[in-house]
All heavy atoms as atom14 arrays in JSON, in Angstrom:
{
  "sequence": "HPSGAQAKPGDAVIVTGDIGRHGCTILLARNQFGIDADVTSDCA",
  "atom14_mask": [
    [1, 1, 1, 1, 1, 1, 1, 1, 1, 1, 0, 0, 0, 0],
    [1, 1, 1, 1, 1, 1, 1, 0, 0, 0, 0, 0, 0, 0],
    [1, 1, 1, 1, 1, 1, 0, 0, 0, 0, 0, 0, 0, 0],
    [1, 1, 1, 1, 0, 0, 0, 0, 0, 0, 0, 0, 0, 0],
    [1, 1, 1, 1, 1, 0, 0, 0, 0, 0, 0, 0, 0, 0],
    [1, 1, 1, 1, 1, 1, 1, 1, 1, 0, 0, 0, 0, 0],
    [1, 1, 1, 1, 1, 0, 0, 0, 0, 0, 0, 0, 0, 0],
    [1, 1, 1, 1, 1, 1, 1, 1, 1, 0, 0, 0, 0, 0],
    [1, 1, 1, 1, 1, 1, 1, 0, 0, 0, 0, 0, 0, 0],
    [1, 1, 1, 1, 0, 0, 0, 0, 0, 0, 0, 0, 0, 0],
    [1, 1, 1, 1, 1, 1, 1, 1, 0, 0, 0, 0, 0, 0],
    [1, 1, 1, 1, 1, 0, 0, 0, 0, 0, 0, 0, 0, 0],
    [1, 1, 1, 1, 1, 1, 1, 0, 0, 0, 0, 0, 0, 0],
    [1, 1, 1, 1, 1, 1, 1, 1, 0, 0, 0, 0, 0, 0],
    [1, 1, 1, 1, 1, 1, 1, 0, 0, 0, 0, 0, 0, 0],
    [1, 1, 1, 1, 1, 1, 1, 0, 0, 0, 0, 0, 0, 0],
    [1, 1, 1, 1, 0, 0, 0, 0, 0, 0, 0, 0, 0, 0],
    [1, 1, 1, 1, 1, 1, 1, 1, 0, 0, 0, 0, 0, 0],
    [1, 1, 1, 1, 1, 1, 1, 1, 0, 0, 0, 0, 0, 0],
    [1, 1, 1, 1, 0, 0, 0, 0, 0, 0, 0, 0, 0, 0],
    [1, 1, 1, 1, 1, 1, 1, 1, 1, 1, 1, 0, 0, 0],
    [1, 1, 1, 1, 1, 1, 1, 1, 1, 1, 0, 0, 0, 0],
    [1, 1, 1, 1, 0, 0, 0, 0, 0, 0, 0, 0, 0, 0],
    [1, 1, 1, 1, 1, 1, 0, 0, 0, 0, 0, 0, 0, 0],
    [1, 1, 1, 1, 1, 1, 1, 0, 0, 0, 0, 0, 0, 0],
    [1, 1, 1, 1, 1, 1, 1, 1, 0, 0, 0, 0, 0, 0],
    [1, 1, 1, 1, 1, 1, 1, 1, 0, 0, 0, 0, 0, 0],
    [1, 1, 1, 1, 1, 1, 1, 1, 0, 0, 0, 0, 0, 0],
    [1, 1, 1, 1, 1, 0, 0, 0, 0, 0, 0, 0, 0, 0],
    [1, 1, 1, 1, 1, 1, 1, 1, 1, 1, 1, 0, 0, 0],
    [1, 1, 1, 1, 1, 1, 1, 1, 0, 0, 0, 0, 0, 0],
    [1, 1, 1, 1, 1, 1, 1, 1, 1, 0, 0, 0, 0, 0],
    [1, 1, 1, 1, 1, 1, 1, 1, 1, 1, 1, 0, 0, 0],
    [1, 1, 1, 1, 0, 0, 0, 0, 0, 0, 0, 0, 0, 0],
    [1, 1, 1, 1, 1, 1, 1, 1, 0, 0, 0, 0, 0, 0],
    [1, 1, 1, 1, 1, 1, 1, 1, 0, 0, 0, 0, 0, 0],
    [1, 1, 1, 1, 1, 0, 0, 0, 0, 0, 0, 0, 0, 0],
    [1, 1, 1, 1, 1, 1, 1, 1, 0, 0, 0, 0, 0, 0],
    [1, 1, 1, 1, 1, 1, 1, 0, 0, 0, 0, 0, 0, 0],
    [1, 1, 1, 1, 1, 1, 1, 0, 0, 0, 0, 0, 0, 0],
    [1, 1, 1, 1, 1, 1, 0, 0, 0, 0, 0, 0, 0, 0],
    [1, 1, 1, 1, 1, 1, 1, 1, 0, 0, 0, 0, 0, 0],
    [1, 1, 1, 1, 1, 1, 0, 0, 0, 0, 0, 0, 0, 0],
    [1, 1, 1, 1, 1, 0, 0, 0, 0, 0, 0, 0, 0, 0]
  ],
  "atom14_positions": [
    [[112.93, 82.27, 128.8], [111.49, 82.25, 128.53], [110.98, 83.61, 128.05], [110.07, 84.18, 128.64], [110.73, 81.84, 129.8], [111.21, 80.59, 130.44], [110.99, 79.33, 129.9], [111.94, 80.4, 131.57], [111.54, 78.42, 130.68], [112.13, 79.04, 131.7], [0.0, 0.0, 0.0], [0.0, 0.0, 0.0], [0.0, 0.0, 0.0], [0.0, 0.0, 0.0]],
    [[111.52, 84.18, 126.98], [111.02, 85.47, 126.53], [109.62, 85.34, 125.94], [109.27, 84.33, 125.32], [112.03, 85.88, 125.46], [112.6, 84.59, 124.96], [112.61, 83.67, 126.13], [0.0, 0.0, 0.0], [0.0, 0.0, 0.0], [0.0, 0.0, 0.0], [0.0, 0.0, 0.0], [0.0, 0.0, 0.0], [0.0, 0.0, 0.0], [0.0, 0.0, 0.0]],
    [[108.81, 86.37, 126.14], [107.45, 86.39, 125.6], [106.96, 87.83, 125.58], [107.34, 88.64, 126.43], [106.52, 85.53, 126.46], [105.16, 85.77, 126.13], [0.0, 0.0, 0.0], [0.0, 0.0, 0.0], [0.0, 0.0, 0.0], [0.0, 0.0, 0.0], [0.0, 0.0, 0.0], [0.0, 0.0, 0.0], [0.0, 0.0, 0.0], [0.0, 0.0, 0.0]],
    [[106.08, 88.13, 124.64], [105.5, 89.46, 124.57], [104.66, 89.83, 125.77], [104.36, 91.0, 125.99], [0.0, 0.0, 0.0], [0.0, 0.0, 0.0], [0.0, 0.0, 0.0], [0.0, 0.0, 0.0], [0.0, 0.0, 0.0], [0.0, 0.0, 0.0], [0.0, 0.0, 0.0], [0.0, 0.0, 0.0], [0.0, 0.0, 0.0], [0.0, 0.0, 0.0]],
    [[104.29, 88.83, 126.58], [103.49, 89.08, 127.77], [104.35, 89.22, 129.03], [103.81, 89.33, 130.14], [102.49, 87.95, 127.97], [0.0, 0.0, 0.0], [0.0, 0.0, 0.0], [0.0, 0.0, 0.0], [0.0, 0.0, 0.0], [0.0, 0.0, 0.0], [0.0, 0.0, 0.0], [0.0, 0.0, 0.0], [0.0, 0.0, 0.0], [0.0, 0.0, 0.0]],
    [[105.69, 89.27, 128.87], [106.58, 89.25, 130.03], [107.24, 90.6, 130.34], [108.08, 90.68, 131.25], [107.69, 88.22, 129.81], [107.2, 86.79, 129.72], [106.69, 86.27, 131.05], [107.01, 86.78, 132.1], [105.85, 85.24, 130.99], [0.0, 0.0, 0.0], [0.0, 0.0, 0.0], [0.0, 0.0, 0.0], [0.0, 0.0, 0.0], [0.0, 0.0, 0.0]],
    [[106.91, 91.66, 129.62], [107.5, 92.97, 129.92], [107.08, 93.43, 131.31], [105.92, 93.3, 131.71], [107.07, 94.01, 128.88], [0.0, 0.0, 0.0], [0.0, 0.0, 0.0], [0.0, 0.0, 0.0], [0.0, 0.0, 0.0], [0.0, 0.0, 0.0], [0.0, 0.0, 0.0], [0.0, 0.0, 0.0], [0.0, 0.0, 0.0], [0.0, 0.0, 0.0]],
    [[108.03, 94.01, 132.07], [107.79, 94.4, 133.45], [108.07, 95.9, 133.63], [109.01, 96.44, 133.03], [108.7, 93.62, 134.4], [108.62, 92.1, 134.28], [107.33, 91.57, 134.88], [107.39, 90.04, 135.04], [107.61, 89.31, 133.79], [0.0, 0.0, 0.0], [0.0, 0.0, 0.0], [0.0, 0.0, 0.0], [0.0, 0.0, 0.0], [0.0, 0.0, 0.0]],
    [[107.26, 96.57, 134.47], [107.59, 97.97, 134.78], [109.02, 98.1, 135.28], [109.48, 97.28, 136.09], [106.58, 98.32, 135.89], [105.41, 97.42, 135.63], [106.02, 96.13, 135.14], [0.0, 0.0, 0.0], [0.0, 0.0, 0.0], [0.0, 0.0, 0.0], [0.0, 0.0, 0.0], [0.0, 0.0, 0.0], [0.0, 0.0, 0.0], [0.0, 0.0, 0.0]],
    [[109.74, 99.08, 134.76], [111.15, 99.27, 135.09], [112.09, 98.68, 134.07], [113.28, 99.02, 134.05], [0.0, 0.0, 0.0], [0.0, 0.0, 0.0], [0.0, 0.0, 0.0], [0.0, 0.0, 0.0], [0.0, 0.0, 0.0], [0.0, 0.0, 0.0], [0.0, 0.0, 0.0], [0.0, 0.0, 0.0], [0.0, 0.0, 0.0], [0.0, 0.0, 0.0]],
    [[111.6, 97.81, 133.19], [112.45, 97.24, 132.15], [113.01, 98.33, 131.25], [112.34, 99.33, 130.97], [111.67, 96.26, 131.27], [111.54, 94.87, 131.88], [112.14, 94.63, 132.93], [110.82, 94.04, 131.28], [0.0, 0.0, 0.0], [0.0, 0.0, 0.0], [0.0, 0.0, 0.0], [0.0, 0.0, 0.0], [0.0, 0.0, 0.0], [0.0, 0.0, 0.0]],
    [[114.21, 98.1, 130.76], [114.76, 98.92, 129.69], [114.29, 98.38, 128.34], [114.13, 97.17, 128.17], [116.28, 98.92, 129.75], [0.0, 0.0, 0.0], [0.0, 0.0, 0.0], [0.0, 0.0, 0.0], [0.0, 0.0, 0.0], [0.0, 0.0, 0.0], [0.0, 0.0, 0.0], [0.0, 0.0, 0.0], [0.0, 0.0, 0.0], [0.0, 0.0, 0.0]],
    [[114.08, 99.28, 127.4], [113.73, 98.9, 126.02], [114.97, 99.13, 125.15], [115.49, 100.25, 125.1], [112.55, 99.73, 125.49], [112.19, 99.31, 124.07], [111.34, 99.6, 126.41], [0.0, 0.0, 0.0], [0.0, 0.0, 0.0], [0.0, 0.0, 0.0], [0.0, 0.0, 0.0], [0.0, 0.0, 0.0], [0.0, 0.0, 0.0], [0.0, 0.0, 0.0]],
    [[115.42, 98.08, 124.51], [116.64, 98.12, 123.7], [116.3, 97.8, 122.26], [115.48, 96.91, 121.98], [117.67, 97.09, 124.22], [118.04, 97.37, 125.68], [118.92, 97.05, 123.35], [118.82, 96.23, 126.35], [0.0, 0.0, 0.0], [0.0, 0.0, 0.0], [0.0, 0.0, 0.0], [0.0, 0.0, 0.0], [0.0, 0.0, 0.0], [0.0, 0.0, 0.0]],
    [[116.91, 98.51, 121.31], [116.92, 98.07, 119.91], [118.35, 97.7, 119.56], [119.3, 98.32, 120.06], [116.37, 99.13, 118.93], [114.89, 99.34, 119.15], [117.13, 100.43, 119.03], [0.0, 0.0, 0.0], [0.0, 0.0, 0.0], [0.0, 0.0, 0.0], [0.0, 0.0, 0.0], [0.0, 0.0, 0.0], [0.0, 0.0, 0.0], [0.0, 0.0, 0.0]],
    [[118.5, 96.7, 118.69], [119.84, 96.19, 118.41], [120.54, 96.89, 117.25], [121.61, 96.46, 116.83], [119.8, 94.67, 118.14], [118.95, 94.41, 117.01], [119.26, 93.92, 119.36], [0.0, 0.0, 0.0], [0.0, 0.0, 0.0], [0.0, 0.0, 0.0], [0.0, 0.0, 0.0], [0.0, 0.0, 0.0], [0.0, 0.0, 0.0], [0.0, 0.0, 0.0]],
    [[119.95, 97.98, 116.76], [120.6, 98.73, 115.7], [119.68, 99.79, 115.14], [118.55, 99.97, 115.6], [0.0, 0.0, 0.0], [0.0, 0.0, 0.0], [0.0, 0.0, 0.0], [0.0, 0.0, 0.0], [0.0, 0.0, 0.0], [0.0, 0.0, 0.0], [0.0, 0.0, 0.0], [0.0, 0.0, 0.0], [0.0, 0.0, 0.0], [0.0, 0.0, 0.0]],
    [[120.15, 100.5, 114.1], [119.34, 101.56, 113.51], [118.11, 100.96, 112.84], [118.15, 99.85, 112.3], [120.17, 102.38, 112.52], [120.67, 101.57, 111.35], [121.42, 100.59, 111.58], [120.34, 101.9, 110.2], [0.0, 0.0, 0.0], [0.0, 0.0, 0.0], [0.0, 0.0, 0.0], [0.0, 0.0, 0.0], [0.0, 0.0, 0.0], [0.0, 0.0, 0.0]],
    [[117.01, 101.68, 112.88], [115.71, 101.12, 112.52], [115.23, 101.61, 111.16], [115.65, 102.66, 110.67], [114.66, 101.44, 113.6], [114.37, 102.95, 113.65], [115.11, 100.93, 114.96], [113.15, 103.32, 114.5], [0.0, 0.0, 0.0], [0.0, 0.0, 0.0], [0.0, 0.0, 0.0], [0.0, 0.0, 0.0], [0.0, 0.0, 0.0], [0.0, 0.0, 0.0]],
    [[114.33, 100.82, 110.55], [113.61, 101.25, 109.36], [114.33, 101.04, 108.04], [113.8, 101.41, 106.99], [0.0, 0.0, 0.0], [0.0, 0.0, 0.0], [0.0, 0.0, 0.0], [0.0, 0.0, 0.0], [0.0, 0.0, 0.0], [0.0, 0.0, 0.0], [0.0, 0.0, 0.0], [0.0, 0.0, 0.0], [0.0, 0.0, 0.0], [0.0, 0.0, 0.0]],
    [[115.51, 100.4, 108.06], [116.28, 100.34, 106.81], [115.65, 99.41, 105.77], [115.7, 99.69, 104.56], [117.72, 99.91, 107.1], [118.59, 101.09, 107.49], [120.03, 100.89, 107.09], [120.73, 100.08, 108.07], [121.57, 99.1, 107.78], [121.81, 98.79, 106.52], [122.17, 98.43, 108.72], [0.0, 0.0, 0.0], [0.0, 0.0, 0.0], [0.0, 0.0, 0.0]],
    [[115.07, 98.29, 106.2], [114.49, 97.39, 105.21], [113.3, 98.04, 104.5], [113.21, 98.01, 103.27], [114.06, 96.07, 105.85], [113.5, 95.09, 104.85], [114.3, 94.41, 103.96], [112.22, 94.7, 104.59], [113.55, 93.64, 103.19], [112.28, 93.81, 103.55], [0.0, 0.0, 0.0], [0.0, 0.0, 0.0], [0.0, 0.0, 0.0], [0.0, 0.0, 0.0]],
    [[112.39, 98.6, 105.28], [111.23, 99.25, 104.67], [111.63, 100.37, 103.73], [111.06, 100.52, 102.64], [0.0, 0.0, 0.0], [0.0, 0.0, 0.0], [0.0, 0.0, 0.0], [0.0, 0.0, 0.0], [0.0, 0.0, 0.0], [0.0, 0.0, 0.0], [0.0, 0.0, 0.0], [0.0, 0.0, 0.0], [0.0, 0.0, 0.0], [0.0, 0.0, 0.0]],
    [[112.62, 101.15, 104.13], [113.09, 102.25, 103.27], [113.75, 101.7, 102.01], [113.55, 102.24, 100.92], [114.07, 103.11, 104.07], [114.57, 104.63, 103.22], [0.0, 0.0, 0.0], [0.0, 0.0, 0.0], [0.0, 0.0, 0.0], [0.0, 0.0, 0.0], [0.0, 0.0, 0.0], [0.0, 0.0, 0.0], [0.0, 0.0, 0.0], [0.0, 0.0, 0.0]],
    [[114.52, 100.62, 102.15], [115.17, 100.01, 100.99], [114.15, 99.53, 99.97], [114.3, 99.75, 98.76], [116.06, 98.84, 101.44], [117.08, 99.33, 102.31], [116.72, 98.16, 100.25], [0.0, 0.0, 0.0], [0.0, 0.0, 0.0], [0.0, 0.0, 0.0], [0.0, 0.0, 0.0], [0.0, 0.0, 0.0], [0.0, 0.0, 0.0], [0.0, 0.0, 0.0]],
    [[113.12, 98.83, 100.43], [112.08, 98.33, 99.54], [111.36, 99.48, 98.85], [111.09, 99.45, 97.64], [111.08, 97.45, 100.3], [111.77, 96.19, 100.85], [109.89, 97.08, 99.43], [112.34, 95.27, 99.79], [0.0, 0.0, 0.0], [0.0, 0.0, 0.0], [0.0, 0.0, 0.0], [0.0, 0.0, 0.0], [0.0, 0.0, 0.0], [0.0, 0.0, 0.0]],
    [[111.07, 100.53, 99.61], [110.41, 101.7, 99.04], [111.23, 102.3, 97.9], [110.71, 102.59, 96.81], [110.2, 102.74, 100.13], [109.45, 104.01, 99.75], [107.97, 103.71, 99.53], [109.6, 105.07, 100.83], [0.0, 0.0, 0.0], [0.0, 0.0, 0.0], [0.0, 0.0, 0.0], [0.0, 0.0, 0.0], [0.0, 0.0, 0.0], [0.0, 0.0, 0.0]],
    [[112.52, 102.46, 98.12], [113.38, 103.05, 97.1], [113.58, 102.12, 95.91], [113.69, 102.56, 94.77], [114.74, 103.42, 97.72], [114.71, 104.5, 98.81], [116.1, 104.71, 99.38], [114.14, 105.81, 98.28], [0.0, 0.0, 0.0], [0.0, 0.0, 0.0], [0.0, 0.0, 0.0], [0.0, 0.0, 0.0], [0.0, 0.0, 0.0], [0.0, 0.0, 0.0]],
    [[113.64, 100.8, 96.19], [113.85, 99.83, 95.11], [112.69, 99.83, 94.12], [112.87, 99.47, 92.95], [114.05, 98.43, 95.7], [0.0, 0.0, 0.0], [0.0, 0.0, 0.0], [0.0, 0.0, 0.0], [0.0, 0.0, 0.0], [0.0, 0.0, 0.0], [0.0, 0.0, 0.0], [0.0, 0.0, 0.0], [0.0, 0.0, 0.0], [0.0, 0.0, 0.0]],
    [[111.51, 100.24, 94.56], [110.36, 100.3, 93.65], [110.41, 101.52, 92.74], [109.66, 101.6, 91.77], [109.06, 100.31, 94.47], [108.81, 98.98, 95.15], [107.62, 99.01, 96.06], [107.49, 97.73, 96.74], [106.83, 97.55, 97.88], [106.22, 98.59, 98.46], [106.76, 96.37, 98.44], [0.0, 0.0, 0.0], [0.0, 0.0, 0.0], [0.0, 0.0, 0.0]],
    [[111.25, 102.48, 93.09], [111.51, 103.65, 92.25], [110.23, 104.4, 91.87], [110.08, 104.88, 90.75], [112.27, 103.23, 90.98], [113.01, 104.39, 90.34], [113.41, 105.33, 91.02], [113.18, 104.32, 89.03], [0.0, 0.0, 0.0], [0.0, 0.0, 0.0], [0.0, 0.0, 0.0], [0.0, 0.0, 0.0], [0.0, 0.0, 0.0], [0.0, 0.0, 0.0]],
    [[109.32, 104.5, 92.84], [108.06, 105.21, 92.57], [108.18, 106.72, 92.8], [107.36, 107.48, 92.3], [106.96, 104.65, 93.48], [106.61, 103.2, 93.19], [105.67, 102.63, 94.23], [105.84, 102.83, 95.43], [104.67, 101.89, 93.77], [0.0, 0.0, 0.0], [0.0, 0.0, 0.0], [0.0, 0.0, 0.0], [0.0, 0.0, 0.0], [0.0, 0.0, 0.0]],
    [[109.2, 107.12, 93.55], [109.31, 108.52, 93.92], [110.54, 109.21, 93.32], [110.72, 110.41, 93.48], [109.36, 108.66, 95.45], [108.14, 108.1, 96.14], [108.17, 106.84, 96.7], [106.97, 108.83, 96.18], [107.04, 106.32, 97.33], [105.84, 108.32, 96.8], [105.88, 107.06, 97.37], [0.0, 0.0, 0.0], [0.0, 0.0, 0.0], [0.0, 0.0, 0.0]],
    [[111.38, 108.47, 92.62], [112.57, 109.05, 92.01], [113.57, 109.57, 93.03], [114.31, 110.52, 92.74], [0.0, 0.0, 0.0], [0.0, 0.0, 0.0], [0.0, 0.0, 0.0], [0.0, 0.0, 0.0], [0.0, 0.0, 0.0], [0.0, 0.0, 0.0], [0.0, 0.0, 0.0], [0.0, 0.0, 0.0], [0.0, 0.0, 0.0], [0.0, 0.0, 0.0]],
    [[113.6, 108.95, 94.22], [114.54, 109.38, 95.26], [115.8, 108.52, 95.2], [115.73, 107.3, 95.16], [113.89, 109.25, 96.66], [112.67, 110.16, 96.76], [114.9, 109.58, 97.75], [111.88, 109.96, 98.04], [0.0, 0.0, 0.0], [0.0, 0.0, 0.0], [0.0, 0.0, 0.0], [0.0, 0.0, 0.0], [0.0, 0.0, 0.0], [0.0, 0.0, 0.0]],
    [[116.94, 109.16, 95.18], [118.23, 108.46, 95.16], [118.87, 108.6, 96.53], [119.27, 109.7, 96.93], [119.13, 109.05, 94.08], [120.44, 108.28, 93.93], [120.5, 107.14, 94.43], [121.39, 108.82, 93.33], [0.0, 0.0, 0.0], [0.0, 0.0, 0.0], [0.0, 0.0, 0.0], [0.0, 0.0, 0.0], [0.0, 0.0, 0.0], [0.0, 0.0, 0.0]],
    [[118.94, 107.49, 97.28], [119.53, 107.53, 98.62], [120.31, 106.24, 98.86], [119.95, 105.17, 98.35], [118.45, 107.69, 99.7], [0.0, 0.0, 0.0], [0.0, 0.0, 0.0], [0.0, 0.0, 0.0], [0.0, 0.0, 0.0], [0.0, 0.0, 0.0], [0.0, 0.0, 0.0], [0.0, 0.0, 0.0], [0.0, 0.0, 0.0], [0.0, 0.0, 0.0]],
    [[121.37, 106.34, 99.62], [122.24, 105.2, 99.9], [121.7, 104.44, 101.11], [122.09, 104.69, 102.24], [123.67, 105.69, 100.16], [124.64, 104.54, 100.4], [124.3, 103.4, 100.01], [125.72, 104.78, 100.97], [0.0, 0.0, 0.0], [0.0, 0.0, 0.0], [0.0, 0.0, 0.0], [0.0, 0.0, 0.0], [0.0, 0.0, 0.0], [0.0, 0.0, 0.0]],
    [[120.78, 103.5, 100.84], [120.17, 102.72, 101.91], [120.22, 101.24, 101.52], [119.87, 100.88, 100.39], [118.71, 103.12, 102.17], [118.14, 102.35, 103.35], [118.6, 104.62, 102.42], [0.0, 0.0, 0.0], [0.0, 0.0, 0.0], [0.0, 0.0, 0.0], [0.0, 0.0, 0.0], [0.0, 0.0, 0.0], [0.0, 0.0, 0.0], [0.0, 0.0, 0.0]],
    [[120.67, 100.4, 102.45], [120.75, 98.96, 102.24], [119.94, 98.25, 103.31], [119.97, 98.63, 104.48], [122.22, 98.49, 102.32], [122.98, 99.17, 101.33], [122.32, 96.98, 102.08], [0.0, 0.0, 0.0], [0.0, 0.0, 0.0], [0.0, 0.0, 0.0], [0.0, 0.0, 0.0], [0.0, 0.0, 0.0], [0.0, 0.0, 0.0], [0.0, 0.0, 0.0]],
    [[119.21, 97.22, 102.93], [118.42, 96.47, 103.89], [119.29, 95.89, 105.0], [120.45, 95.53, 104.78], [117.69, 95.32, 103.19], [117.06, 94.47, 104.12], [0.0, 0.0, 0.0], [0.0, 0.0, 0.0], [0.0, 0.0, 0.0], [0.0, 0.0, 0.0], [0.0, 0.0, 0.0], [0.0, 0.0, 0.0], [0.0, 0.0, 0.0], [0.0, 0.0, 0.0]],
    [[118.71, 95.8, 106.2], [119.41, 95.21, 107.34], [119.17, 93.71, 107.43], [119.51, 93.08, 108.44], [118.97, 95.89, 108.64], [117.46, 95.8, 108.87], [116.74, 95.34, 107.97], [117.0, 96.21, 109.96], [0.0, 0.0, 0.0], [0.0, 0.0, 0.0], [0.0, 0.0, 0.0], [0.0, 0.0, 0.0], [0.0, 0.0, 0.0], [0.0, 0.0, 0.0]],
    [[118.6, 93.09, 106.41], [118.25, 91.68, 106.4], [119.42, 90.81, 106.87], [120.5, 90.84, 106.27], [117.81, 91.28, 105.0], [117.27, 89.58, 104.81], [0.0, 0.0, 0.0], [0.0, 0.0, 0.0], [0.0, 0.0, 0.0], [0.0, 0.0, 0.0], [0.0, 0.0, 0.0], [0.0, 0.0, 0.0], [0.0, 0.0, 0.0], [0.0, 0.0, 0.0]],
    [[119.22, 90.04, 107.95], [120.3, 89.23, 108.53], [119.72, 88.18, 109.45], [118.68, 88.39, 110.09], [121.27, 90.12, 109.3], [0.0, 0.0, 0.0], [0.0, 0.0, 0.0], [0.0, 0.0, 0.0], [0.0, 0.0, 0.0], [0.0, 0.0, 0.0], [0.0, 0.0, 0.0], [0.0, 0.0, 0.0], [0.0, 0.0, 0.0], [0.0, 0.0, 0.0]]
  ]
}
């Protein structure tokens, strides 16, 4: 029964992997800043 209203004091907060890759990928794909970086979306 997971829900956004079920977090409890003492809970651990976990992320399942490195963050921000999709947003960074979309930003670079638009080529507005001329930045060349090896970033791939985490879409899965």
